[in-house]
C-alpha atoms as a PDB file:
ATOM      1  CA  MET A   1      35.711 -48.024  50.620  1.00  0.00           C
ATOM      2  CA  ARG A   2      35.196 -51.282  48.550  1.00  0.00           C
ATOM      3  CA  LYS A   3      33.220 -50.246  45.306  1.00  0.00           C
ATOM      4  CA  VAL A   4      32.966 -53.067  42.377  1.00  0.00           C
ATOM      5  CA  TYR A   5      31.800 -51.591  39.136  1.00  0.00           C
ATOM      6  CA  GLN A   6      30.501 -54.216  35.954  1.00  0.00           C
ATOM      7  CA  VAL A   7      32.386 -53.533  32.468  1.00  0.00           C
ATOM      8  CA  THR A   8      31.619 -54.914  29.544  1.00  0.00           C
ATOM      9  CA  GLY A   9      35.129 -55.646  27.858  1.00  0.00           C
ATOM     10  CA  SER A  10      34.808 -53.974  23.857  1.00  0.00           C
ATOM     11  CA  HIS A  11      33.483 -58.588  23.060  1.00  0.00           C
ATOM     12  CA  GLY A  12      31.157 -58.503  25.365  1.00  0.00           C
ATOM     13  CA  THR A  13      32.913 -60.161  28.059  1.00  0.00           C
ATOM     14  CA  PRO A  14      31.868 -58.809  31.435  1.00  0.00           C
ATOM     15  CA  TYR A  15      34.758 -57.326  33.822  1.00  0.00           C
ATOM     16  CA  GLU A  16      35.117 -56.341  37.137  1.00  0.00           C
ATOM     17  CA  VAL A  17      36.150 -53.195  37.823  1.00  0.00           C
ATOM     18  CA  VAL A  18      37.208 -52.477  41.996  1.00  0.00           C
ATOM     19  CA  LEU A  19      38.539 -49.605  43.630  1.00  0.00           C
ATOM     20  CA  THR A  20      39.490 -50.184  47.274  1.00  0.00           C
ATOM     21  CA  ASP A  21      40.720 -48.125  50.093  1.00  0.00           C
ATOM     22  CA  GLU A  22      43.086 -49.729  52.286  1.00  0.00           C
ATOM     23  CA  ASP A  23      44.758 -47.333  54.224  1.00  0.00           C
ATOM     24  CA  GLY A  24      44.261 -44.433  52.919  1.00  0.00           C
ATOM     25  CA  VAL A  25      46.383 -46.007  49.542  1.00  0.00           C
ATOM     26  CA  LEU A  26      43.587 -46.373  46.704  1.00  0.00           C
ATOM     27  CA  ARG A  27      44.106 -49.478  44.422  1.00  0.00           C
ATOM     28  CA  ALA A  28      42.476 -50.013  41.170  1.00  0.00           C
ATOM     29  CA  HIS A  29      41.696 -53.971  40.318  1.00  0.00           C
ATOM     30  CA  CYS A  30      39.965 -55.169  36.584  1.00  0.00           C
ATOM     31  CA  THR A  31      39.236 -59.037  35.668  1.00  0.00           C
ATOM     32  CA  CYS A  32      40.273 -58.475  32.373  1.00  0.00           C
ATOM     33  CA  PRO A  33      43.659 -60.326  31.402  1.00  0.00           C
ATOM     34  CA  ALA A  34      45.109 -56.408  31.175  1.00  0.00           C
ATOM     35  CA  GLY A  35      44.445 -56.992  34.635  1.00  0.00           C
ATOM     36  CA  SER A  36      45.621 -59.547  35.738  1.00  0.00           C
ATOM     37  CA  PHE A  37      48.800 -59.015  35.200  1.00  0.00           C
ATOM     38  CA  GLY A  38      48.299 -55.457  36.991  1.00  0.00           C
ATOM     39  CA  THR A  39      48.153 -53.215  33.815  1.00  0.00           C
ATOM     40  CA  LEU A  40      45.874 -50.144  34.115  1.00  0.00           C
ATOM     41  CA  CYS A  41      43.742 -50.930  31.899  1.00  0.00           C
ATOM     42  CA  LYS A  42      41.240 -49.404  29.429  1.00  0.00           C
ATOM     43  CA  HIS A  43      38.369 -50.821  31.712  1.00  0.00           C
ATOM     44  CA  VAL A  44      39.616 -49.167  35.412  1.00  0.00           C
ATOM     45  CA  LEU A  45      40.181 -45.552  33.059  1.00  0.00           C
ATOM     46  CA  ARG A  46      36.750 -45.970  31.395  1.00  0.00           C
ATOM     47  CA  ILE A  47      35.144 -46.524  35.190  1.00  0.00           C
ATOM     48  CA  ILE A  48      37.281 -43.645  36.226  1.00  0.00           C
ATOM     49  CA  GLY A  49      35.970 -41.723  33.337  1.00  0.00           C
ATOM     50  CA  GLU A  50      32.194 -42.253  33.852  1.00  0.00           C
ATOM     51  CA  ASN A  51      31.603 -42.351  37.256  1.00  0.00           C
ATOM     52  CA  GLN A  52      32.008 -39.192  38.711  1.00  0.00           C
ATOM     53  CA  GLU A  53      32.332 -41.621  42.418  1.00  0.00           C
ATOM     54  CA  ALA A  54      35.160 -43.464  41.281  1.00  0.00           C
ATOM     55  CA  TYR A  55      36.967 -40.237  39.817  1.00  0.00           C
ATOM     56  CA  GLN A  56      36.164 -38.191  43.120  1.00  0.00           C
ATOM     57  CA  ALA A  57      37.777 -41.040  44.969  1.00  0.00           C
ATOM     58  CA  LEU A  58      40.889 -39.881  42.856  1.00  0.00           C
ATOM     59  CA  LYS A  59      40.723 -36.707  43.841  1.00  0.00           C
ATOM     60  CA  GLN A  60      40.627 -37.403  47.393  1.00  0.00           C
ATOM     61  CA  HIS A  61      44.159 -39.650  46.897  1.00  0.00           C
ATOM     62  CA  GLY A  62      45.783 -36.493  45.329  1.00  0.00           C
ATOM     63  CA  LEU A  63      45.519 -39.114  42.242  1.00  0.00           C
ATOM     64  CA  SER A  64      43.134 -36.919  39.941  1.00  0.00           C
ATOM     65  CA  ASP A  65      45.683 -34.412  38.225  1.00  0.00           C
ATOM     66  CA  TYR A  66      47.729 -38.061  37.130  1.00  0.00           C
ATOM     67  CA  TYR A  67      44.472 -39.042  35.487  1.00  0.00           C
ATOM     68  CA  ASP A  68      43.754 -35.597  33.747  1.00  0.00           C
ATOM     69  CA  GLN A  69      47.083 -35.243  32.393  1.00  0.00           C
ATOM     70  CA  PHE A  70      47.002 -38.677  30.659  1.00  0.00           C
ATOM     71  CA  LEU A  71      43.546 -37.538  29.419  1.00  0.00           C
ATOM     72  CA  THR A  72      45.461 -34.202  27.844  1.00  0.00           C
ATOM     73  CA  LYS A  73      48.343 -36.009  26.435  1.00  0.00           C
ATOM     74  CA  ASN A  74      46.565 -39.493  25.111  1.00  0.00           C
ATOM     75  CA  ALA A  75      44.632 -37.019  23.456  1.00  0.00           C
ATOM     76  CA  GLU A  76      47.400 -34.828  21.479  1.00  0.00           C
ATOM     77  CA  ALA A  77      49.080 -38.312  21.018  1.00  0.00           C
ATOM     78  CA  GLU A  78      46.172 -39.614  19.260  1.00  0.00           C
ATOM     79  CA  LYS A  79      45.815 -36.450  16.871  1.00  0.00           C
ATOM     80  CA  LEU A  80      50.170 -37.207  16.470  1.00  0.00           C
ATOM     81  CA  LYS A  81      49.391 -40.123  15.087  1.00  0.00           C
ATOM     82  CA  ARG A  82      46.602 -39.432  12.702  1.00  0.00           C
ATOM     83  CA  GLU A  83      49.391 -36.643  11.185  1.00  0.00           C
ATOM     84  CA  ALA A  84      51.293 -39.237  11.409  1.00  0.00           C
ATOM     85  CA  ALA A  85      49.259 -41.729   8.906  1.00  0.00           C
ATOM     86  CA  ILE A  86      48.942 -38.745   6.580  1.00  0.00           C
ATOM     87  CA  TYR A  87      52.453 -38.338   6.207  1.00  0.00           C
ATOM     88  CA  LYS A  88      53.060 -42.216   5.910  1.00  0.00           C
ATOM     89  CA  LYS A  89      49.608 -42.101   3.071  1.00  0.00           C
ATOM     90  CA  ASN A  90      51.499 -38.813   1.515  1.00  0.00           C
ATOM     91  CA  LEU A  91      55.134 -40.675   1.210  1.00  0.00           C
ATOM     92  CA  ALA A  92      53.846 -43.736  -0.031  1.00  0.00           C
ATOM     93  CA  ARG A  93      51.645 -42.504  -2.967  1.00  0.00           C
ATOM     94  CA  LYS A  94      55.374 -40.431  -3.554  1.00  0.00           C
ATOM     95  CA  LEU A  95      58.034 -43.719  -3.334  1.00  0.00           C
ATOM     96  CA  LEU A  96      55.432 -46.220  -4.401  1.00  0.00           C
ATOM     97  CA  GLY A  97      53.780 -44.460  -7.937  1.00  0.00           C
END
């Protein structure tokens, strides 16, 4: 299997996300700068999140639990960041007048 998805980056730059299944191993690659360094970039994550076929490929390879846990933990982390920003703002008000 080889699936190619077109993605537009945050600055309008077009990228390709490629999912392949070679010998029962699912691989993802993106042509963005982060992808060229072998990083799991936001474009691959977006394709998995928005494309049922890509998510099903994860599921077939036993990887959907990792993705689902990532989403859960990422949401928790974002909430903590927002809460920390509030505490920082309150501390700044007290310390800086």
